[in-house]
Amino acid sequence: MDDVVIGPVDLAARVDDALAVQAVAFGLADDEIAIRRQIVLRHLTYPGVRALAATAPGDRMVGFVYGMPNSRGHWWSTVVEPYMRQTGNDDWLDDSFTITELHVHPRFQGRGLGRELITTITDTASEPRSILSAIDVESRARRLYRALGYVDLARPVYFPSAPSPYAVMGAVLPLLR
């Protein structure tokens, strides 16, 4: 990790670099990337959005995270709210910092970059807790989130057009180290 630097990024200017990482990490097709590009750019207009990037030599982006204070009016919240209400956890939608996206290029996974990205961004949050959604399978990402203190708040959660169910997870801030 010595050759990778984590710091703030102008995500609007580097959206294509970020989506290239997400495409490899998440297995996205070109049409999905085009849709996600518009979503990211829309998110960047929301109040309080922040982004960090992990960059390798030559300013090559190898990971990124972005998030924002949650709002019940955001599309994501409107989808997860009924599931959260069913489990009695819909209060987590208030006064939480949402991790919107976190991706690390597969060749750079296992080096602690995901951990550093998410802890660094949540350490700057004024909200007392953080929420996120992750594909509801046992994965490296879910193990990381649990190690940081995230617990399942609702599962399975179905997003329109997503082929797999998700889990909504939440953690009290600061995240565990």
N, C-alpha and C. Protein backbone atom coordinates (compact mmCIF):
# COMPACT_ATOMS: atom_id res chain seq x y z
N MET A 1 0.82 -1.19 0.00
CA MET A 1 0.00 0.00 0.00
C MET A 1 0.87 1.26 0.00
N ASP A 2 2.16 1.10 0.18
CA ASP A 2 3.05 2.26 0.23
C ASP A 2 3.00 3.09 -1.04
N ASP A 3 2.69 2.44 -2.17
CA ASP A 3 2.67 3.15 -3.44
C ASP A 3 1.29 3.73 -3.78
N VAL A 4 0.31 3.54 -2.90
CA VAL A 4 -1.04 4.04 -3.14
C VAL A 4 -1.34 5.15 -2.12
N VAL A 5 -1.89 6.26 -2.64
CA VAL A 5 -2.21 7.41 -1.80
C VAL A 5 -3.72 7.58 -1.74
N ILE A 6 -4.24 7.80 -0.56
CA ILE A 6 -5.67 8.04 -0.39
C ILE A 6 -5.88 9.49 -0.02
N GLY A 7 -6.81 10.14 -0.74
CA GLY A 7 -7.09 11.54 -0.47
C GLY A 7 -8.34 11.99 -1.18
N PRO A 8 -8.74 13.25 -0.91
CA PRO A 8 -9.93 13.80 -1.56
C PRO A 8 -9.79 13.77 -3.07
N VAL A 9 -10.94 13.65 -3.75
CA VAL A 9 -10.94 13.62 -5.21
C VAL A 9 -12.11 14.44 -5.72
N ASP A 10 -11.89 15.12 -6.83
CA ASP A 10 -12.97 15.79 -7.54
C ASP A 10 -13.64 14.70 -8.37
N LEU A 11 -14.67 14.08 -7.79
CA LEU A 11 -15.29 12.93 -8.43
C LEU A 11 -15.97 13.29 -9.75
N ALA A 12 -16.46 14.51 -9.87
CA ALA A 12 -17.07 14.92 -11.14
C ALA A 12 -16.02 14.89 -12.26
N ALA A 13 -14.82 15.35 -11.95
CA ALA A 13 -13.75 15.37 -12.95
C ALA A 13 -13.19 13.98 -13.22
N ARG A 14 -13.31 13.07 -12.24
CA ARG A 14 -12.71 11.73 -12.37
C ARG A 14 -13.76 10.62 -12.40
N VAL A 15 -15.00 10.98 -12.74
CA VAL A 15 -16.09 10.00 -12.71
C VAL A 15 -15.80 8.79 -13.61
N ASP A 16 -15.20 9.02 -14.76
CA ASP A 16 -14.93 7.90 -15.66
C ASP A 16 -13.85 6.97 -15.09
N ASP A 17 -12.86 7.55 -14.40
CA ASP A 17 -11.84 6.73 -13.74
C ASP A 17 -12.47 5.89 -12.64
N ALA A 18 -13.36 6.50 -11.86
CA ALA A 18 -14.02 5.78 -10.77
C ALA A 18 -14.89 4.66 -11.32
N LEU A 19 -15.64 4.96 -12.37
CA LEU A 19 -16.52 3.94 -12.94
C LEU A 19 -15.73 2.81 -13.60
N ALA A 20 -14.54 3.10 -14.08
CA ALA A 20 -13.69 2.04 -14.63
C ALA A 20 -13.30 1.07 -13.52
N VAL A 21 -13.00 1.60 -12.33
CA VAL A 21 -12.70 0.74 -11.17
C VAL A 21 -13.94 -0.05 -10.80
N GLN A 22 -15.08 0.62 -10.71
CA GLN A 22 -16.32 -0.05 -10.33
C GLN A 22 -16.69 -1.13 -11.35
N ALA A 23 -16.49 -0.85 -12.62
CA ALA A 23 -16.84 -1.82 -13.67
C ALA A 23 -16.06 -3.12 -13.49
N VAL A 24 -14.78 -3.02 -13.19
CA VAL A 24 -13.95 -4.21 -13.00
C VAL A 24 -14.31 -4.89 -11.68
N ALA A 25 -14.47 -4.10 -10.61
CA ALA A 25 -14.73 -4.66 -9.28
C ALA A 25 -16.12 -5.29 -9.20
N PHE A 26 -17.07 -4.72 -9.93
CA PHE A 26 -18.48 -5.11 -9.80
C PHE A 26 -18.98 -5.85 -11.03
N GLY A 27 -18.15 -5.92 -12.09
CA GLY A 27 -18.55 -6.62 -13.31
C GLY A 27 -19.66 -5.92 -14.07
N LEU A 28 -19.48 -4.64 -14.35
CA LEU A 28 -20.52 -3.88 -15.04
C LEU A 28 -20.30 -3.86 -16.55
N ALA A 29 -21.40 -3.92 -17.28
CA ALA A 29 -21.36 -3.77 -18.74
C ALA A 29 -21.39 -2.29 -19.09
N ASP A 30 -21.08 -1.99 -20.35
CA ASP A 30 -21.02 -0.59 -20.79
C ASP A 30 -22.33 0.16 -20.57
N ASP A 31 -23.48 -0.48 -20.82
CA ASP A 31 -24.75 0.21 -20.64
C ASP A 31 -25.00 0.52 -19.16
N GLU A 32 -24.56 -0.36 -18.26
CA GLU A 32 -24.70 -0.10 -16.82
C GLU A 32 -23.80 1.05 -16.39
N ILE A 33 -22.61 1.11 -16.96
CA ILE A 33 -21.67 2.19 -16.64
C ILE A 33 -22.27 3.53 -17.04
N ALA A 34 -22.89 3.61 -18.20
CA ALA A 34 -23.50 4.86 -18.67
C ALA A 34 -24.60 5.32 -17.72
N ILE A 35 -25.41 4.38 -17.25
CA ILE A 35 -26.47 4.73 -16.29
C ILE A 35 -25.87 5.20 -14.97
N ARG A 36 -24.88 4.46 -14.48
CA ARG A 36 -24.26 4.81 -13.20
C ARG A 36 -23.54 6.16 -13.27
N ARG A 37 -23.00 6.49 -14.44
CA ARG A 37 -22.33 7.79 -14.61
C ARG A 37 -23.32 8.92 -14.31
N GLN A 38 -24.52 8.82 -14.86
CA GLN A 38 -25.54 9.85 -14.61
C GLN A 38 -25.95 9.88 -13.14
N ILE A 39 -26.03 8.72 -12.51
CA ILE A 39 -26.40 8.64 -11.10
C ILE A 39 -25.33 9.31 -10.23
N VAL A 40 -24.06 9.00 -10.49
CA VAL A 40 -22.97 9.60 -9.71
C VAL A 40 -23.00 11.11 -9.88
N LEU A 41 -23.11 11.58 -11.10
CA LEU A 41 -23.11 13.03 -11.34
C LEU A 41 -24.30 13.70 -10.65
N ARG A 42 -25.45 13.06 -10.62
CA ARG A 42 -26.60 13.60 -9.89
C ARG A 42 -26.32 13.64 -8.39
N HIS A 43 -25.75 12.55 -7.86
CA HIS A 43 -25.43 12.50 -6.43
C HIS A 43 -24.50 13.63 -6.03
N LEU A 44 -23.58 14.00 -6.92
CA LEU A 44 -22.61 15.04 -6.59
C LEU A 44 -23.24 16.41 -6.40
N THR A 45 -24.50 16.55 -6.77
CA THR A 45 -25.20 17.83 -6.56
C THR A 45 -25.86 17.88 -5.18
N TYR A 46 -25.89 16.77 -4.44
CA TYR A 46 -26.55 16.72 -3.14
C TYR A 46 -25.68 17.39 -2.07
N PRO A 47 -26.32 17.96 -1.06
CA PRO A 47 -25.56 18.60 0.01
C PRO A 47 -24.72 17.59 0.80
N GLY A 48 -23.50 17.99 1.11
CA GLY A 48 -22.65 17.21 1.99
C GLY A 48 -21.96 16.01 1.38
N VAL A 49 -22.06 15.81 0.07
CA VAL A 49 -21.41 14.66 -0.56
C VAL A 49 -19.89 14.85 -0.50
N ARG A 50 -19.20 13.75 -0.19
CA ARG A 50 -17.73 13.76 -0.13
C ARG A 50 -17.20 12.52 -0.83
N ALA A 51 -16.00 12.65 -1.40
CA ALA A 51 -15.40 11.52 -2.11
C ALA A 51 -13.90 11.46 -1.84
N LEU A 52 -13.41 10.22 -1.80
CA LEU A 52 -11.98 9.96 -1.66
C LEU A 52 -11.59 8.97 -2.75
N ALA A 53 -10.32 9.05 -3.14
CA ALA A 53 -9.80 8.10 -4.12
C ALA A 53 -8.50 7.50 -3.60
N ALA A 54 -8.25 6.29 -4.03
CA ALA A 54 -6.96 5.63 -3.82
C ALA A 54 -6.26 5.68 -5.17
N THR A 55 -5.11 6.32 -5.22
CA THR A 55 -4.41 6.46 -6.49
C THR A 55 -3.02 5.84 -6.40
N ALA A 56 -2.67 5.12 -7.46
CA ALA A 56 -1.37 4.49 -7.61
C ALA A 56 -0.47 5.44 -8.40
N PRO A 57 0.81 5.13 -8.50
CA PRO A 57 1.71 5.99 -9.29
C PRO A 57 1.13 6.28 -10.68
N GLY A 58 1.38 7.48 -11.15
CA GLY A 58 0.85 7.92 -12.42
C GLY A 58 -0.57 8.43 -12.30
N ASP A 59 -1.02 8.67 -11.06
CA ASP A 59 -2.37 9.18 -10.76
C ASP A 59 -3.46 8.22 -11.25
N ARG A 60 -3.16 6.91 -11.26
CA ARG A 60 -4.13 5.91 -11.67
C ARG A 60 -5.04 5.57 -10.50
N MET A 61 -6.34 5.80 -10.67
CA MET A 61 -7.29 5.50 -9.62
C MET A 61 -7.46 3.99 -9.51
N VAL A 62 -7.30 3.48 -8.28
CA VAL A 62 -7.43 2.04 -8.05
C VAL A 62 -8.53 1.74 -7.02
N GLY A 63 -9.14 2.80 -6.49
CA GLY A 63 -10.24 2.63 -5.55
C GLY A 63 -10.88 3.97 -5.28
N PHE A 64 -12.13 3.94 -4.82
CA PHE A 64 -12.80 5.18 -4.46
C PHE A 64 -13.97 4.87 -3.53
N VAL A 65 -14.35 5.90 -2.81
CA VAL A 65 -15.54 5.86 -1.97
C VAL A 65 -16.20 7.23 -2.06
N TYR A 66 -17.52 7.23 -2.03
CA TYR A 66 -18.21 8.50 -1.84
C TYR A 66 -19.46 8.25 -1.03
N GLY A 67 -19.87 9.31 -0.36
CA GLY A 67 -21.05 9.21 0.48
C GLY A 67 -21.58 10.58 0.83
N MET A 68 -22.68 10.56 1.59
CA MET A 68 -23.36 11.82 1.92
C MET A 68 -24.27 11.61 3.11
N PRO A 69 -24.67 12.71 3.75
CA PRO A 69 -25.69 12.58 4.78
C PRO A 69 -26.95 12.00 4.15
N ASN A 70 -27.55 11.01 4.82
CA ASN A 70 -28.74 10.38 4.25
C ASN A 70 -29.93 11.32 4.32
N SER A 71 -30.79 11.18 3.33
CA SER A 71 -32.07 11.90 3.31
C SER A 71 -33.14 10.89 2.93
N ARG A 72 -34.24 10.92 3.64
CA ARG A 72 -35.35 10.02 3.30
C ARG A 72 -35.91 10.31 1.91
N GLY A 73 -35.62 11.47 1.35
CA GLY A 73 -36.08 11.80 0.01
C GLY A 73 -35.22 11.22 -1.10
N HIS A 74 -34.02 10.72 -0.77
CA HIS A 74 -33.17 10.11 -1.79
C HIS A 74 -33.79 8.80 -2.26
N TRP A 75 -33.57 8.47 -3.53
CA TRP A 75 -34.13 7.27 -4.13
C TRP A 75 -33.79 6.03 -3.30
N TRP A 76 -32.52 5.88 -2.91
CA TRP A 76 -32.09 4.71 -2.15
C TRP A 76 -32.93 4.55 -0.88
N SER A 77 -33.13 5.64 -0.17
CA SER A 77 -33.90 5.59 1.08
C SER A 77 -35.35 5.19 0.83
N THR A 78 -35.92 5.66 -0.27
CA THR A 78 -37.32 5.31 -0.55
C THR A 78 -37.46 3.82 -0.85
N VAL A 79 -36.40 3.21 -1.42
CA VAL A 79 -36.45 1.78 -1.71
C VAL A 79 -36.26 0.96 -0.43
N VAL A 80 -35.28 1.35 0.41
CA VAL A 80 -34.97 0.52 1.58
C VAL A 80 -35.89 0.77 2.77
N GLU A 81 -36.56 1.90 2.79
CA GLU A 81 -37.38 2.27 3.96
C GLU A 81 -38.41 1.21 4.35
N PRO A 82 -39.19 0.64 3.42
CA PRO A 82 -40.15 -0.39 3.84
C PRO A 82 -39.48 -1.61 4.47
N TYR A 83 -38.33 -2.00 3.94
CA TYR A 83 -37.60 -3.14 4.51
C TYR A 83 -37.09 -2.79 5.91
N MET A 84 -36.60 -1.57 6.05
CA MET A 84 -36.08 -1.12 7.35
C MET A 84 -37.22 -1.01 8.36
N ARG A 85 -38.36 -0.57 7.93
CA ARG A 85 -39.52 -0.46 8.82
C ARG A 85 -39.94 -1.84 9.31
N GLN A 86 -39.92 -2.83 8.41
CA GLN A 86 -40.28 -4.20 8.78
C GLN A 86 -39.41 -4.75 9.90
N THR A 87 -38.14 -4.35 9.93
CA THR A 87 -37.22 -4.85 10.96
C THR A 87 -37.11 -3.89 12.14
N GLY A 88 -37.88 -2.80 12.10
CA GLY A 88 -37.84 -1.84 13.20
C GLY A 88 -36.59 -0.97 13.19
N ASN A 89 -35.94 -0.85 12.04
CA ASN A 89 -34.69 -0.10 11.96
C ASN A 89 -34.77 1.15 11.08
N ASP A 90 -36.00 1.59 10.76
CA ASP A 90 -36.09 2.73 9.84
C ASP A 90 -35.58 4.03 10.46
N ASP A 91 -35.38 4.09 11.78
CA ASP A 91 -34.79 5.28 12.39
C ASP A 91 -33.34 5.48 11.93
N TRP A 92 -32.70 4.42 11.43
CA TRP A 92 -31.34 4.54 10.92
C TRP A 92 -31.28 5.42 9.67
N LEU A 93 -32.42 5.66 9.03
CA LEU A 93 -32.43 6.52 7.85
C LEU A 93 -32.28 7.99 8.21
N ASP A 94 -32.40 8.30 9.49
CA ASP A 94 -32.24 9.67 9.98
C ASP A 94 -30.88 9.81 10.65
N ASP A 95 -30.24 10.94 10.43
CA ASP A 95 -28.98 11.26 11.09
C ASP A 95 -27.91 10.19 10.87
N SER A 96 -27.79 9.74 9.62
CA SER A 96 -26.78 8.76 9.23
C SER A 96 -26.02 9.25 8.01
N PHE A 97 -24.77 8.85 7.92
CA PHE A 97 -23.95 9.11 6.74
C PHE A 97 -24.00 7.87 5.87
N THR A 98 -24.44 8.02 4.63
CA THR A 98 -24.57 6.89 3.71
C THR A 98 -23.29 6.71 2.90
N ILE A 99 -22.77 5.49 2.92
CA ILE A 99 -21.70 5.12 1.99
C ILE A 99 -22.41 4.72 0.70
N THR A 100 -22.30 5.57 -0.30
CA THR A 100 -23.02 5.35 -1.54
C THR A 100 -22.32 4.32 -2.42
N GLU A 101 -21.04 4.47 -2.58
CA GLU A 101 -20.24 3.51 -3.36
C GLU A 101 -18.87 3.37 -2.70
N LEU A 102 -18.35 2.15 -2.70
CA LEU A 102 -16.99 1.85 -2.26
C LEU A 102 -16.50 0.70 -3.12
N HIS A 103 -15.45 0.96 -3.90
CA HIS A 103 -14.92 -0.08 -4.79
C HIS A 103 -13.40 0.03 -4.84
N VAL A 104 -12.76 -1.14 -4.87
CA VAL A 104 -11.32 -1.23 -5.04
C VAL A 104 -11.06 -2.19 -6.19
N HIS A 105 -10.17 -1.81 -7.07
CA HIS A 105 -9.80 -2.66 -8.20
C HIS A 105 -9.33 -4.01 -7.65
N PRO A 106 -9.79 -5.12 -8.24
CA PRO A 106 -9.43 -6.44 -7.72
C PRO A 106 -7.93 -6.67 -7.53
N ARG A 107 -7.09 -6.11 -8.39
CA ARG A 107 -5.64 -6.30 -8.22
C ARG A 107 -5.10 -5.58 -7.00
N PHE A 108 -5.90 -4.67 -6.42
CA PHE A 108 -5.46 -3.92 -5.25
C PHE A 108 -6.24 -4.29 -3.99
N GLN A 109 -7.13 -5.25 -4.10
CA GLN A 109 -7.88 -5.71 -2.94
C GLN A 109 -6.98 -6.51 -2.01
N GLY A 110 -7.38 -6.56 -0.74
CA GLY A 110 -6.61 -7.32 0.24
C GLY A 110 -5.43 -6.56 0.81
N ARG A 111 -5.31 -5.28 0.51
CA ARG A 111 -4.20 -4.44 0.99
C ARG A 111 -4.66 -3.44 2.05
N GLY A 112 -5.95 -3.47 2.41
CA GLY A 112 -6.45 -2.52 3.40
C GLY A 112 -6.97 -1.22 2.82
N LEU A 113 -7.02 -1.12 1.48
CA LEU A 113 -7.47 0.13 0.86
C LEU A 113 -8.95 0.39 1.13
N GLY A 114 -9.79 -0.63 1.00
CA GLY A 114 -11.22 -0.46 1.28
C GLY A 114 -11.44 0.01 2.71
N ARG A 115 -10.73 -0.62 3.66
CA ARG A 115 -10.82 -0.24 5.07
C ARG A 115 -10.40 1.22 5.26
N GLU A 116 -9.27 1.60 4.65
CA GLU A 116 -8.80 2.97 4.82
C GLU A 116 -9.75 3.99 4.17
N LEU A 117 -10.29 3.65 3.00
CA LEU A 117 -11.22 4.55 2.34
C LEU A 117 -12.47 4.78 3.20
N ILE A 118 -13.08 3.71 3.68
CA ILE A 118 -14.34 3.86 4.42
C ILE A 118 -14.12 4.48 5.80
N THR A 119 -13.04 4.14 6.47
CA THR A 119 -12.81 4.74 7.79
C THR A 119 -12.44 6.22 7.66
N THR A 120 -11.68 6.55 6.64
CA THR A 120 -11.29 7.95 6.45
C THR A 120 -12.50 8.81 6.14
N ILE A 121 -13.39 8.34 5.26
CA ILE A 121 -14.55 9.17 4.91
C ILE A 121 -15.54 9.26 6.08
N THR A 122 -15.74 8.17 6.81
CA THR A 122 -16.70 8.24 7.92
C THR A 122 -16.13 9.02 9.10
N ASP A 123 -14.81 9.07 9.23
CA ASP A 123 -14.21 9.87 10.31
C ASP A 123 -14.51 11.35 10.15
N THR A 124 -14.87 11.78 8.94
CA THR A 124 -15.19 13.19 8.71
C THR A 124 -16.68 13.47 8.82
N ALA A 125 -17.48 12.43 9.06
CA ALA A 125 -18.94 12.61 9.13
C ALA A 125 -19.34 13.24 10.45
N SER A 126 -20.30 14.15 10.39
CA SER A 126 -20.83 14.73 11.62
C SER A 126 -21.98 13.89 12.18
N GLU A 127 -22.50 12.98 11.36
CA GLU A 127 -23.59 12.10 11.80
C GLU A 127 -23.02 11.05 12.76
N PRO A 128 -23.86 10.54 13.68
CA PRO A 128 -23.38 9.57 14.68
C PRO A 128 -23.30 8.13 14.17
N ARG A 129 -23.78 7.89 12.95
CA ARG A 129 -23.77 6.52 12.43
C ARG A 129 -23.72 6.53 10.92
N SER A 130 -23.46 5.34 10.37
CA SER A 130 -23.30 5.17 8.92
C SER A 130 -24.15 4.01 8.46
N ILE A 131 -24.68 4.12 7.25
CA ILE A 131 -25.45 3.04 6.64
C ILE A 131 -24.95 2.81 5.21
N LEU A 132 -25.20 1.61 4.72
CA LEU A 132 -24.80 1.24 3.37
C LEU A 132 -25.59 0.02 2.95
N SER A 133 -25.51 -0.31 1.67
CA SER A 133 -26.09 -1.56 1.19
C SER A 133 -25.01 -2.34 0.47
N ALA A 134 -25.09 -3.66 0.61
CA ALA A 134 -24.12 -4.55 -0.01
C ALA A 134 -24.87 -5.78 -0.52
N ILE A 135 -24.37 -6.35 -1.59
CA ILE A 135 -25.00 -7.57 -2.10
C ILE A 135 -25.04 -8.58 -0.96
N ASP A 136 -26.18 -9.21 -0.80
CA ASP A 136 -26.44 -10.09 0.34
C ASP A 136 -25.88 -11.49 0.13
N VAL A 137 -24.56 -11.56 0.03
CA VAL A 137 -23.84 -12.83 -0.03
C VAL A 137 -22.62 -12.69 0.87
N GLU A 138 -22.10 -13.81 1.32
CA GLU A 138 -20.87 -13.77 2.10
C GLU A 138 -19.75 -13.37 1.15
N SER A 139 -19.12 -12.25 1.42
CA SER A 139 -18.11 -11.71 0.52
C SER A 139 -17.04 -10.99 1.33
N ARG A 140 -15.97 -10.67 0.65
CA ARG A 140 -14.89 -9.91 1.28
C ARG A 140 -15.43 -8.56 1.79
N ALA A 141 -16.31 -7.93 1.01
CA ALA A 141 -16.87 -6.64 1.42
C ALA A 141 -17.70 -6.78 2.69
N ARG A 142 -18.58 -7.77 2.74
CA ARG A 142 -19.43 -7.95 3.93
C ARG A 142 -18.59 -8.28 5.15
N ARG A 143 -17.53 -9.06 4.98
CA ARG A 143 -16.65 -9.37 6.13
C ARG A 143 -15.96 -8.10 6.61
N LEU A 144 -15.53 -7.26 5.68
CA LEU A 144 -14.92 -5.98 6.07
C LEU A 144 -15.90 -5.13 6.84
N TYR A 145 -17.11 -4.98 6.32
CA TYR A 145 -18.10 -4.14 6.99
C TYR A 145 -18.38 -4.63 8.40
N ARG A 146 -18.53 -5.94 8.57
CA ARG A 146 -18.77 -6.48 9.91
C ARG A 146 -17.58 -6.22 10.83
N ALA A 147 -16.37 -6.35 10.32
CA ALA A 147 -15.18 -6.09 11.13
C ALA A 147 -15.11 -4.63 11.58
N LEU A 148 -15.73 -3.74 10.81
CA LEU A 148 -15.73 -2.31 11.14
C LEU A 148 -16.89 -1.94 12.07
N GLY A 149 -17.77 -2.91 12.36
CA GLY A 149 -18.88 -2.67 13.27
C GLY A 149 -20.24 -2.60 12.62
N TYR A 150 -20.32 -2.75 11.32
CA TYR A 150 -21.62 -2.75 10.64
C TYR A 150 -22.37 -4.03 10.97
N VAL A 151 -23.66 -3.89 11.17
CA VAL A 151 -24.55 -5.03 11.41
C VAL A 151 -25.69 -4.96 10.40
N ASP A 152 -26.30 -6.12 10.15
CA ASP A 152 -27.44 -6.16 9.24
C ASP A 152 -28.63 -5.46 9.86
N LEU A 153 -29.23 -4.55 9.10
CA LEU A 153 -30.44 -3.84 9.53
C LEU A 153 -31.67 -4.35 8.79
N ALA A 154 -31.48 -4.81 7.56
CA ALA A 154 -32.60 -5.36 6.76
C ALA A 154 -32.01 -6.21 5.65
N ARG A 155 -32.63 -7.37 5.45
CA ARG A 155 -32.24 -8.26 4.37
C ARG A 155 -33.29 -9.34 4.22
N PRO A 156 -33.53 -9.83 3.04
CA PRO A 156 -33.01 -9.34 1.77
C PRO A 156 -33.77 -8.09 1.32
N VAL A 157 -33.06 -7.19 0.66
CA VAL A 157 -33.63 -5.96 0.11
C VAL A 157 -33.48 -6.06 -1.41
N TYR A 158 -34.57 -5.79 -2.10
CA TYR A 158 -34.58 -5.89 -3.56
C TYR A 158 -34.67 -4.50 -4.19
N PHE A 159 -33.65 -4.16 -4.98
CA PHE A 159 -33.64 -2.90 -5.72
C PHE A 159 -34.18 -3.17 -7.12
N PRO A 160 -34.96 -2.24 -7.66
CA PRO A 160 -35.45 -2.42 -9.04
C PRO A 160 -34.28 -2.64 -10.00
N SER A 161 -34.40 -3.61 -10.84
CA SER A 161 -33.43 -3.96 -11.88
C SER A 161 -32.14 -4.59 -11.36
N ALA A 162 -31.97 -4.73 -10.05
CA ALA A 162 -30.78 -5.41 -9.53
C ALA A 162 -31.04 -6.91 -9.51
N PRO A 163 -30.12 -7.69 -10.06
CA PRO A 163 -30.37 -9.13 -10.16
C PRO A 163 -30.25 -9.88 -8.83
N SER A 164 -29.56 -9.31 -7.87
CA SER A 164 -29.32 -9.99 -6.59
C SER A 164 -29.90 -9.19 -5.43
N PRO A 165 -30.31 -9.88 -4.36
CA PRO A 165 -30.77 -9.16 -3.17
C PRO A 165 -29.59 -8.51 -2.44
N TYR A 166 -29.90 -7.48 -1.70
CA TYR A 166 -28.92 -6.73 -0.93
C TYR A 166 -29.25 -6.82 0.55
N ALA A 167 -28.26 -6.44 1.36
CA ALA A 167 -28.44 -6.25 2.79
C ALA A 167 -28.16 -4.78 3.08
N VAL A 168 -28.98 -4.17 3.93
CA VAL A 168 -28.68 -2.83 4.42
C VAL A 168 -27.99 -3.02 5.77
N MET A 169 -26.86 -2.37 5.93
CA MET A 169 -26.05 -2.50 7.13
C MET A 169 -25.84 -1.13 7.76
N GLY A 170 -25.66 -1.10 9.06
CA GLY A 170 -25.41 0.15 9.76
C GLY A 170 -24.38 -0.03 10.86
N ALA A 171 -23.67 1.05 11.15
CA ALA A 171 -22.66 1.04 12.21
C ALA A 171 -22.66 2.38 12.94
N VAL A 172 -22.41 2.32 14.22
CA VAL A 172 -22.21 3.53 15.02
C VAL A 172 -20.82 4.05 14.68
N LEU A 173 -20.69 5.37 14.58
CA LEU A 173 -19.39 5.99 14.29
C LEU A 173 -18.74 6.46 15.58
N PRO A 174 -17.42 6.46 15.66
CA PRO A 174 -16.49 6.04 14.62
C PRO A 174 -16.50 4.52 14.45
N LEU A 175 -16.10 4.11 13.25
CA LEU A 175 -16.04 2.68 12.95
C LEU A 175 -14.96 2.01 13.80
N LEU A 176 -15.15 0.73 14.06
CA LEU A 176 -14.15 -0.04 14.82
C LEU A 176 -12.84 -0.08 14.06
N ARG A 177 -11.76 -0.14 14.79
CA ARG A 177 -10.44 -0.28 14.17
C ARG A 177 -9.87 -1.64 14.54
